[in-house]
């Protein structure tokens, strides 16, 4: 049996020395997040983009898309 962890995917790529393009910086941000979770025993499964309703003002709502990263690990496992 597994437990799952869902975290927001990075939306911005920070400045990283030696990385010139947005794609390189963004890939680095994703790799950092995946490696950070892996240190806690979490295995990266996939990313998903899901619709989300948000409140706007007192009575209004709007729809947006949220991208999340999904990780899994065996129940009871805390570190590899």
PDB file of N, CA and C in Angstrom:
ATOM      1  N   UNK A   1       0.842  -1.159   0.000  1.00  0.00           N
ATOM      2  CA  UNK A   1       0.000   0.000   0.000  1.00  0.00           C
ATOM      3  C   UNK A   1       0.900   1.239   0.000  1.00  0.00           C
ATOM      4  N   UNK A   2       0.408   2.329  -0.592  1.00  0.00           N
ATOM      5  CA  UNK A   2       1.192   3.547  -0.733  1.00  0.00           C
ATOM      6  C   UNK A   2       0.473   4.737  -0.115  1.00  0.00           C
ATOM      7  N   UNK A   3       1.272   5.746   0.232  1.00  0.00           N
ATOM      8  CA  UNK A   3       0.724   7.042   0.580  1.00  0.00           C
ATOM      9  C   UNK A   3       1.214   8.013  -0.489  1.00  0.00           C
ATOM     10  N   UNK A   4       0.437   9.065  -0.693  1.00  0.00           N
ATOM     11  CA  UNK A   4       0.736  10.006  -1.761  1.00  0.00           C
ATOM     12  C   UNK A   4       0.895  11.415  -1.213  1.00  0.00           C
ATOM     13  N   UNK A   5       1.698  12.183  -1.903  1.00  0.00           N
ATOM     14  CA  UNK A   5       1.932  13.577  -1.543  1.00  0.00           C
ATOM     15  C   UNK A   5       1.761  14.405  -2.815  1.00  0.00           C
ATOM     16  N   UNK A   6       0.976  15.461  -2.732  1.00  0.00           N
ATOM     17  CA  UNK A   6       0.733  16.330  -3.880  1.00  0.00           C
ATOM     18  C   UNK A   6       1.204  17.730  -3.510  1.00  0.00           C
ATOM     19  N   UNK A   7       2.096  18.283  -4.320  1.00  0.00           N
ATOM     20  CA  UNK A   7       2.648  19.611  -4.059  1.00  0.00           C
ATOM     21  C   UNK A   7       2.507  20.480  -5.310  1.00  0.00           C
ATOM     22  N   UNK A   8       2.378  21.799  -5.134  1.00  0.00           N
ATOM     23  CA  UNK A   8       2.301  22.674  -6.299  1.00  0.00           C
ATOM     24  C   UNK A   8       3.596  22.599  -7.111  1.00  0.00           C
ATOM     25  N   UNK A   9       3.464  22.549  -8.407  1.00  0.00           N
ATOM     26  CA  UNK A   9       4.635  22.580  -9.276  1.00  0.00           C
ATOM     27  C   UNK A   9       5.194  24.002  -9.308  1.00  0.00           C
ATOM     28  N   UNK A  10       6.505  24.141  -9.477  1.00  0.00           N
ATOM     29  CA  UNK A  10       7.069  25.486  -9.586  1.00  0.00           C
ATOM     30  C   UNK A  10       6.432  26.237 -10.751  1.00  0.00           C
ATOM     31  N   UNK A  11       6.234  27.530 -10.557  1.00  0.00           N
ATOM     32  CA  UNK A  11       5.669  28.347 -11.632  1.00  0.00           C
ATOM     33  C   UNK A  11       6.681  29.321 -12.212  1.00  0.00           C
ATOM     34  N   UNK A  12       7.776  29.518 -11.490  1.00  0.00           N
ATOM     35  CA  UNK A  12       8.821  30.426 -11.955  1.00  0.00           C
ATOM     36  C   UNK A  12      10.166  29.741 -11.842  1.00  0.00           C
ATOM     37  N   UNK A  13      11.036  30.110 -12.739  1.00  0.00           N
ATOM     38  CA  UNK A  13      12.397  29.596 -12.706  1.00  0.00           C
ATOM     39  C   UNK A  13      13.311  30.695 -12.185  1.00  0.00           C
ATOM     40  N   UNK A  14      13.950  30.454 -11.059  1.00  0.00           N
ATOM     41  CA  UNK A  14      14.862  31.435 -10.495  1.00  0.00           C
ATOM     42  C   UNK A  14      16.143  31.524 -11.296  1.00  0.00           C
ATOM     43  N   UNK A  15      16.916  32.565 -11.008  1.00  0.00           N
ATOM     44  CA  UNK A  15      18.190  32.730 -11.697  1.00  0.00           C
ATOM     45  C   UNK A  15      19.197  31.749 -11.121  1.00  0.00           C
ATOM     46  N   UNK A  16      19.832  30.999 -12.000  1.00  0.00           N
ATOM     47  CA  UNK A  16      20.832  30.020 -11.617  1.00  0.00           C
ATOM     48  C   UNK A  16      22.083  30.305 -12.438  1.00  0.00           C
ATOM     49  N   UNK A  17      23.203  30.462 -11.753  1.00  0.00           N
ATOM     50  CA  UNK A  17      24.454  30.755 -12.442  1.00  0.00           C
ATOM     51  C   UNK A  17      24.785  29.645 -13.436  1.00  0.00           C
ATOM     52  N   UNK A  18      25.074  30.026 -14.657  1.00  0.00           N
ATOM     53  CA  UNK A  18      25.447  29.072 -15.696  1.00  0.00           C
ATOM     54  C   UNK A  18      24.287  28.589 -16.552  1.00  0.00           C
ATOM     55  N   UNK A  19      23.059  28.834 -16.112  1.00  0.00           N
ATOM     56  CA  UNK A  19      21.895  28.426 -16.899  1.00  0.00           C
ATOM     57  C   UNK A  19      21.325  29.663 -17.575  1.00  0.00           C
ATOM     58  N   UNK A  20      21.290  29.645 -18.889  1.00  0.00           N
ATOM     59  CA  UNK A  20      20.927  30.842 -19.648  1.00  0.00           C
ATOM     60  C   UNK A  20      19.457  30.918 -20.041  1.00  0.00           C
ATOM     61  N   UNK A  21      18.889  29.803 -20.453  1.00  0.00           N
ATOM     62  CA  UNK A  21      17.528  29.857 -20.994  1.00  0.00           C
ATOM     63  C   UNK A  21      16.491  29.594 -19.913  1.00  0.00           C
ATOM     64  N   UNK A  22      15.285  30.039 -20.166  1.00  0.00           N
ATOM     65  CA  UNK A  22      14.181  29.785 -19.244  1.00  0.00           C
ATOM     66  C   UNK A  22      13.949  28.285 -19.091  1.00  0.00           C
ATOM     67  N   UNK A  23      14.045  27.551 -20.189  1.00  0.00           N
ATOM     68  CA  UNK A  23      13.834  26.100 -20.134  1.00  0.00           C
ATOM     69  C   UNK A  23      14.857  25.426 -19.225  1.00  0.00           C
ATOM     70  N   UNK A  24      16.117  25.824 -19.314  1.00  0.00           N
ATOM     71  CA  UNK A  24      17.157  25.244 -18.458  1.00  0.00           C
ATOM     72  C   UNK A  24      16.902  25.563 -16.987  1.00  0.00           C
ATOM     73  N   UNK A  25      16.541  26.810 -16.699  1.00  0.00           N
ATOM     74  CA  UNK A  25      16.291  27.214 -15.315  1.00  0.00           C
ATOM     75  C   UNK A  25      15.052  26.518 -14.758  1.00  0.00           C
ATOM     76  N   UNK A  26      14.016  26.388 -15.579  1.00  0.00           N
ATOM     77  CA  UNK A  26      12.798  25.732 -15.134  1.00  0.00           C
ATOM     78  C   UNK A  26      13.042  24.242 -14.871  1.00  0.00           C
ATOM     79  N   UNK A  27      13.768  23.588 -15.753  1.00  0.00           N
ATOM     80  CA  UNK A  27      14.104  22.171 -15.567  1.00  0.00           C
ATOM     81  C   UNK A  27      14.908  21.994 -14.279  1.00  0.00           C
ATOM     82  N   UNK A  28      15.809  22.911 -14.007  1.00  0.00           N
ATOM     83  CA  UNK A  28      16.599  22.853 -12.776  1.00  0.00           C
ATOM     84  C   UNK A  28      15.694  22.985 -11.551  1.00  0.00           C
ATOM     85  N   UNK A  29      14.711  23.876 -11.594  1.00  0.00           N
ATOM     86  CA  UNK A  29      13.769  24.045 -10.487  1.00  0.00           C
ATOM     87  C   UNK A  29      12.982  22.767 -10.232  1.00  0.00           C
ATOM     88  N   UNK A  30      12.536  22.119 -11.301  1.00  0.00           N
ATOM     89  CA  UNK A  30      11.810  20.852 -11.161  1.00  0.00           C
ATOM     90  C   UNK A  30      12.703  19.769 -10.568  1.00  0.00           C
ATOM     91  N   UNK A  31      13.929  19.670 -11.073  1.00  0.00           N
ATOM     92  CA  UNK A  31      14.855  18.655 -10.576  1.00  0.00           C
ATOM     93  C   UNK A  31      15.156  18.871  -9.095  1.00  0.00           C
ATOM     94  N   UNK A  32      15.313  20.121  -8.676  1.00  0.00           N
ATOM     95  CA  UNK A  32      15.556  20.410  -7.259  1.00  0.00           C
ATOM     96  C   UNK A  32      14.398  19.928  -6.394  1.00  0.00           C
ATOM     97  N   UNK A  33      13.175  20.193  -6.844  1.00  0.00           N
ATOM     98  CA  UNK A  33      11.995  19.780  -6.076  1.00  0.00           C
ATOM     99  C   UNK A  33      11.886  18.260  -5.997  1.00  0.00           C
ATOM    100  N   UNK A  34      12.119  17.592  -7.121  1.00  0.00           N
ATOM    101  CA  UNK A  34      12.046  16.126  -7.154  1.00  0.00           C
ATOM    102  C   UNK A  34      13.118  15.529  -6.247  1.00  0.00           C
ATOM    103  N   UNK A  35      14.337  16.052  -6.299  1.00  0.00           N
ATOM    104  CA  UNK A  35      15.424  15.548  -5.457  1.00  0.00           C
ATOM    105  C   UNK A  35      15.162  15.803  -3.976  1.00  0.00           C
ATOM    106  N   UNK A  36      14.567  16.954  -3.651  1.00  0.00           N
ATOM    107  CA  UNK A  36      14.244  17.260  -2.254  1.00  0.00           C
ATOM    108  C   UNK A  36      13.232  16.256  -1.700  1.00  0.00           C
ATOM    109  N   UNK A  37      12.228  15.925  -2.483  1.00  0.00           N
ATOM    110  CA  UNK A  37      11.224  14.951  -2.038  1.00  0.00           C
ATOM    111  C   UNK A  37      11.814  13.543  -1.982  1.00  0.00           C
ATOM    112  N   UNK A  38      12.699  13.222  -2.927  1.00  0.00           N
ATOM    113  CA  UNK A  38      13.336  11.901  -2.947  1.00  0.00           C
ATOM    114  C   UNK A  38      14.169  11.673  -1.689  1.00  0.00           C
ATOM    115  N   UNK A  39      14.748  12.726  -1.149  1.00  0.00           N
ATOM    116  CA  UNK A  39      15.535  12.608   0.083  1.00  0.00           C
ATOM    117  C   UNK A  39      14.658  12.151   1.252  1.00  0.00           C
ATOM    118  N   UNK A  40      13.362  12.419   1.178  1.00  0.00           N
ATOM    119  CA  UNK A  40      12.430  11.973   2.207  1.00  0.00           C
ATOM    120  C   UNK A  40      11.770  10.646   1.885  1.00  0.00           C
ATOM    121  N   UNK A  41      12.246   9.974   0.850  1.00  0.00           N
ATOM    122  CA  UNK A  41      11.707   8.667   0.500  1.00  0.00           C
ATOM    123  C   UNK A  41      10.562   8.707  -0.507  1.00  0.00           C
ATOM    124  N   UNK A  42      10.248   9.887  -1.038  1.00  0.00           N
ATOM    125  CA  UNK A  42       9.139  10.014  -1.986  1.00  0.00           C
ATOM    126  C   UNK A  42       9.633   9.762  -3.407  1.00  0.00           C
ATOM    127  N   UNK A  43       8.849   9.018  -4.178  1.00  0.00           N
ATOM    128  CA  UNK A  43       9.157   8.723  -5.583  1.00  0.00           C
ATOM    129  C   UNK A  43       8.242   9.568  -6.462  1.00  0.00           C
ATOM    130  N   UNK A  44       8.829  10.300  -7.397  1.00  0.00           N
ATOM    131  CA  UNK A  44       8.048  11.143  -8.296  1.00  0.00           C
ATOM    132  C   UNK A  44       7.240  10.262  -9.245  1.00  0.00           C
ATOM    133  N   UNK A  45       5.932  10.553  -9.357  1.00  0.00           N
ATOM    134  CA  UNK A  45       5.081   9.795 -10.272  1.00  0.00           C
ATOM    135  C   UNK A  45       4.787  10.575 -11.543  1.00  0.00           C
ATOM    136  N   UNK A  46       4.238  11.792 -11.378  1.00  0.00           N
ATOM    137  CA  UNK A  46       3.836  12.572 -12.561  1.00  0.00           C
ATOM    138  C   UNK A  46       3.388  13.969 -12.142  1.00  0.00           C
ATOM    139  N   UNK A  47       3.131  14.788 -13.151  1.00  0.00           N
ATOM    140  CA  UNK A  47       2.487  16.082 -12.916  1.00  0.00           C
ATOM    141  C   UNK A  47       1.087  16.018 -13.502  1.00  0.00           C
ATOM    142  N   UNK A  48       0.202  16.796 -12.926  1.00  0.00           N
ATOM    143  CA  UNK A  48      -1.176  16.888 -13.413  1.00  0.00           C
ATOM    144  C   UNK A  48      -1.590  18.351 -13.430  1.00  0.00           C
ATOM    145  N   UNK A  49      -2.375  18.731 -14.407  1.00  0.00           N
ATOM    146  CA  UNK A  49      -2.990  20.054 -14.458  1.00  0.00           C
ATOM    147  C   UNK A  49      -4.481  19.876 -14.235  1.00  0.00           C
ATOM    148  N   UNK A  50      -4.994  20.509 -13.186  1.00  0.00           N
ATOM    149  CA  UNK A  50      -6.386  20.312 -12.786  1.00  0.00           C
ATOM    150  C   UNK A  50      -7.117  21.643 -12.706  1.00  0.00           C
ATOM    151  N   UNK A  51      -8.394  21.622 -13.046  1.00  0.00           N
ATOM    152  CA  UNK A  51      -9.231  22.816 -12.942  1.00  0.00           C
ATOM    153  C   UNK A  51      -9.535  23.084 -11.475  1.00  0.00           C
ATOM    154  N   UNK A  52      -9.589  24.362 -11.128  1.00  0.00           N
ATOM    155  CA  UNK A  52      -9.831  24.753  -9.746  1.00  0.00           C
ATOM    156  C   UNK A  52     -10.723  25.988  -9.736  1.00  0.00           C
ATOM    157  N   UNK A  53     -11.766  25.967  -8.905  1.00  0.00           N
ATOM    158  CA  UNK A  53     -12.624  27.145  -8.748  1.00  0.00           C
ATOM    159  C   UNK A  53     -12.099  27.993  -7.612  1.00  0.00           C
ATOM    160  N   UNK A  54     -12.033  29.306  -7.853  1.00  0.00           N
ATOM    161  CA  UNK A  54     -11.548  30.236  -6.842  1.00  0.00           C
ATOM    162  C   UNK A  54     -12.606  31.295  -6.588  1.00  0.00           C
ATOM    163  N   UNK A  55     -12.670  31.769  -5.378  1.00  0.00           N
ATOM    164  CA  UNK A  55     -13.595  32.862  -5.049  1.00  0.00           C
ATOM    165  C   UNK A  55     -13.061  34.171  -5.588  1.00  0.00           C
ATOM    166  N   UNK A  56     -13.969  34.981  -6.113  1.00  0.00           N
ATOM    167  CA  UNK A  56     -13.658  36.328  -6.576  1.00  0.00           C
ATOM    168  C   UNK A  56     -14.683  37.257  -5.964  1.00  0.00           C
ATOM    169  N   UNK A  57     -14.228  38.129  -5.093  1.00  0.00           N
ATOM    170  CA  UNK A  57     -15.162  39.046  -4.463  1.00  0.00           C
ATOM    171  C   UNK A  57     -16.086  38.320  -3.503  1.00  0.00           C
ATOM    172  N   UNK A  58     -17.263  38.892  -3.299  1.00  0.00           N
ATOM    173  CA  UNK A  58     -18.202  38.309  -2.339  1.00  0.00           C
ATOM    174  C   UNK A  58     -18.987  37.139  -2.896  1.00  0.00           C
ATOM    175  N   UNK A  59     -19.412  37.228  -4.143  1.00  0.00           N
ATOM    176  CA  UNK A  59     -20.273  36.178  -4.685  1.00  0.00           C
ATOM    177  C   UNK A  59     -19.739  35.534  -5.956  1.00  0.00           C
ATOM    178  N   UNK A  60     -18.657  36.038  -6.489  1.00  0.00           N
ATOM    179  CA  UNK A  60     -18.161  35.524  -7.759  1.00  0.00           C
ATOM    180  C   UNK A  60     -17.160  34.396  -7.615  1.00  0.00           C
ATOM    181  N   UNK A  61     -17.014  33.637  -8.673  1.00  0.00           N
ATOM    182  CA  UNK A  61     -15.996  32.596  -8.749  1.00  0.00           C
ATOM    183  C   UNK A  61     -15.340  32.667 -10.117  1.00  0.00           C
ATOM    184  N   UNK A  62     -14.151  32.161 -10.197  1.00  0.00           N
ATOM    185  CA  UNK A  62     -13.476  32.049 -11.485  1.00  0.00           C
ATOM    186  C   UNK A  62     -12.767  30.713 -11.521  1.00  0.00           C
ATOM    187  N   UNK A  63     -12.454  30.272 -12.702  1.00  0.00           N
ATOM    188  CA  UNK A  63     -11.784  28.995 -12.886  1.00  0.00           C
ATOM    189  C   UNK A  63     -10.341  29.232 -13.294  1.00  0.00           C
ATOM    190  N   UNK A  64      -9.453  28.447 -12.715  1.00  0.00           N
ATOM    191  CA  UNK A  64      -8.052  28.499 -13.103  1.00  0.00           C
ATOM    192  C   UNK A  64      -7.540  27.065 -13.215  1.00  0.00           C
ATOM    193  N   UNK A  65      -6.340  26.931 -13.717  1.00  0.00           N
ATOM    194  CA  UNK A  65      -5.714  25.619 -13.812  1.00  0.00           C
ATOM    195  C   UNK A  65      -4.517  25.595 -12.882  1.00  0.00           C
ATOM    196  N   UNK A  66      -4.456  24.597 -12.046  1.00  0.00           N
ATOM    197  CA  UNK A  66      -3.346  24.418 -11.122  1.00  0.00           C
ATOM    198  C   UNK A  66      -2.548  23.192 -11.552  1.00  0.00           C
ATOM    199  N   UNK A  67      -1.234  23.324 -11.569  1.00  0.00           N
ATOM    200  CA  UNK A  67      -0.368  22.200 -11.908  1.00  0.00           C
ATOM    201  C   UNK A  67       0.293  21.705 -10.633  1.00  0.00           C
ATOM    202  N   UNK A  68       0.173  20.408 -10.403  1.00  0.00           N
ATOM    203  CA  UNK A  68       0.720  19.798  -9.192  1.00  0.00           C
ATOM    204  C   UNK A  68       1.640  18.639  -9.552  1.00  0.00           C
ATOM    205  N   UNK A  69       2.539  18.333  -8.618  1.00  0.00           N
ATOM    206  CA  UNK A  69       3.451  17.206  -8.765  1.00  0.00           C
ATOM    207  C   UNK A  69       3.006  16.136  -7.779  1.00  0.00           C
ATOM    208  N   UNK A  70       2.964  14.888  -8.226  1.00  0.00           N
ATOM    209  CA  UNK A  70       2.477  13.794  -7.394  1.00  0.00           C
ATOM    210  C   UNK A  70       3.638  12.845  -7.082  1.00  0.00           C
ATOM    211  N   UNK A  71       3.785  12.550  -5.778  1.00  0.00           N
ATOM    212  CA  UNK A  71       4.830  11.663  -5.279  1.00  0.00           C
ATOM    213  C   UNK A  71       4.165  10.525  -4.512  1.00  0.00           C
ATOM    214  N   UNK A  72       4.859   9.390  -4.417  1.00  0.00           N
ATOM    215  CA  UNK A  72       4.347   8.246  -3.653  1.00  0.00           C
ATOM    216  C   UNK A  72       5.483   7.584  -2.906  1.00  0.00           C
ATOM    217  N   UNK A  73       5.135   6.915  -1.803  1.00  0.00           N
ATOM    218  CA  UNK A  73       6.076   6.064  -1.090  1.00  0.00           C
ATOM    219  C   UNK A  73       5.285   4.994  -0.350  1.00  0.00           C
ATOM    220  N   UNK A  74       5.969   3.903  -0.030  1.00  0.00           N
ATOM    221  CA  UNK A  74       5.321   2.810   0.690  1.00  0.00           C
ATOM    222  C   UNK A  74       4.890   3.301   2.063  1.00  0.00           C
ATOM    223  N   UNK A  75       3.740   2.863   2.523  1.00  0.00           N
ATOM    224  CA  UNK A  75       3.258   3.259   3.856  1.00  0.00           C
ATOM    225  C   UNK A  75       4.271   2.879   4.924  1.00  0.00           C
ATOM    226  N   UNK A  76       4.470   3.790   5.857  1.00  0.00           N
ATOM    227  CA  UNK A  76       5.394   3.539   6.948  1.00  0.00           C
ATOM    228  C   UNK A  76       6.835   3.861   6.644  1.00  0.00           C
ATOM    229  N   UNK A  77       7.141   4.155   5.401  1.00  0.00           N
ATOM    230  CA  UNK A  77       8.521   4.474   5.005  1.00  0.00           C
ATOM    231  C   UNK A  77       8.767   5.954   5.240  1.00  0.00           C
ATOM    232  N   UNK A  78       9.823   6.304   5.944  1.00  0.00           N
ATOM    233  CA  UNK A  78      10.134   7.717   6.155  1.00  0.00           C
ATOM    234  C   UNK A  78      11.382   8.142   5.419  1.00  0.00           C
ATOM    235  N   UNK A  79      12.339   7.263   5.299  1.00  0.00           N
ATOM    236  CA  UNK A  79      13.570   7.553   4.562  1.00  0.00           C
ATOM    237  C   UNK A  79      14.019   6.279   3.849  1.00  0.00           C
ATOM    238  N   UNK A  80      14.674   6.450   2.690  1.00  0.00           N
ATOM    239  CA  UNK A  80      15.146   5.259   1.970  1.00  0.00           C
ATOM    240  C   UNK A  80      16.253   4.531   2.697  1.00  0.00           C
TER     241      UNK A  80
END
